[in-house]
Amino acid sequence: MDQFMYILELIDKYIWGIPLCALIIGCGIWLTLRVRFLQIRHLGRALKYMVHNEAHGEGEVTSFGALCTALSATIGTGNIVGVATAIAAGGPGALLWMEIAAFFGMATKYSEGLLAIKYRSIDKDGHVLGGPFYYIERGMGKNWKWLAKTFAFLGATAGLLGIGTITQVNGITSAAQNFFDPSLQHVVFSIGQGESAVPITLTTIVAGLLVTLAVALVVIGGIKRIAGVSQIIVPFMAITYILFAVLLLLCNLQQVPGAIVTIVTSAFAPQAALGGVIGVTIKDAIQNGVARGIFSNEAGLGSAPIAAAAAQTREPVRQGLVTMTGTFIDTIVVCTMTGLAIVLTESWVPELGLKGVQITTRAFQVGLPFPSAMSAFILMLCLIFFAFTTILGWNYYGERCLEYFTNGNKAAVKCYRWLYIAAVFIGPYLTVAAVWTIADIFNALMALPNIVALLALSGVVAKETRAYFHRDLQHRLLHQKH
């Protein structure tokens, strides 16, 4: 097991090096310039479009439904566990790099949503298929179909073995175990030997079975059932989590300025900010912040445009704006609150020996004016629902990728669905370190073809954006005359 982990970490370190981080942020910067900082100028309009569905649009679900499907896949363990993992490994400064990546990632997400609508396919039965594989094939040309197929294969694999199943269900069962059996009094068996042995408790087994059953009941219903469930759970749980996070920050308002200073200073001078207590470097802060940020908001991965393509809309730019709000909500709002809570309560410091969800749980227990058991229960519920909806969203992504890869082979898609449910079933029995490392590797591999396409089609994005806002201006001027 130790040798396996060593190999995984070596691959992860090589893939998630500075070059890939620079490529993803660089793509976001380039697209930000091409759309003239649209994520600042038109954020208000984007938030308005988010809740006002377009009339008479073609597609399978409403724009809000498509956004909720995308948010169901992005608001997950990355917001609660991922932020904690990034800060623990890269220091508080990792949060700032996460925000910087998210700011430019908003332009990336906008471009993904726009291209998804522009190049999507709608058959005679109204079934929609779209995403990076189609904007690669149709936008870049038939000669690049091999790259589209590569993305589709990596996307299906990432959903099955990385971000969509194992990571999420592992986060759910870990949260349940930390709440119901933190002292490991009901261990059923252990995986591995010696010090690296992982105890599996009765809570883990029961929680894993319940999640597997719930996932099976929803994913068998396809996109409409996934979107329907997501439209109920995602807004409710996101608002609930944000309200408790805001309450935590208000109850510790005096510590917030100090936490912000620590985050900013640590991003550029970790040793000075942290007194050299841990060997955190700027490279560690950047690498962990960017990697966990992308894991959380998925900007650049190419996953969100798969959901965006199903939206009932005729305007690529409009859906691009709606898609962009996903990154804003996920990282700029939710991850920032989680990170501030962790830093101001000093729950991340190595001396505490906490990992993953334990870090965020302690932050809520220390920061909220409730009994510690109640705070832990609130966080556990949020994590469970966030992770559950992420599992649902990524099932949809994986199936659409496989549908393209197999040229619409329905038998292959059905087989994938059951394999997906099986991956959820086995997820709780893998170690946290292995789970996150595997997810990071697949994220990186999936991002590469998509980033190539976004850079190649950035001119299309810029042209569509200018044309839309010119038409919009002409329409408003005409309306004012009348």
Foldseek 3Di string as FASTA:
>chain_A
DVVVLVVLVVLLCVLLAPVLLCLLLVLLVVLCVLLVNCCPVCLVVLVVLLPDWDPQFAFDATLVLLLLLLLLQQQALLLQQLLLQLCLFFNLLLLVLLVSSLSSLLSLLLLFLLLFQVQWDQDPVSHIFGWLLRCQPVVVHVVRNVLSLLLLVLLLCLCQAALQALQQLQLLLVLQCCQPPVPQPAFPDWDDDDPPIHTDGPSSQVSLVVLLVVLLVQPVVPSVSLSVVSSPLVVVLLVLLLVLLVQLCVLVVVLLVVLVVLNNCCCQPVCVSVVVPDPHDNSSSNSSSSLSSCSNQVRLLTQSSRSSSRHRHDASSSSSSNSSVSSCSGRVRSNVSLSSLLRSLVLSDCVVVDHGNSSSLVSQCVRHPDHSSVSSVSVSVSNNSSSSSSNSSSLNSSLSSVCVSVVNDPVVSVVSSVSSSVSNSCSNNDDNSSRNSVSSSSSSSSSVSSSVSSVVCSVVVSVSSVVVVVVVVVVVVVVVVD
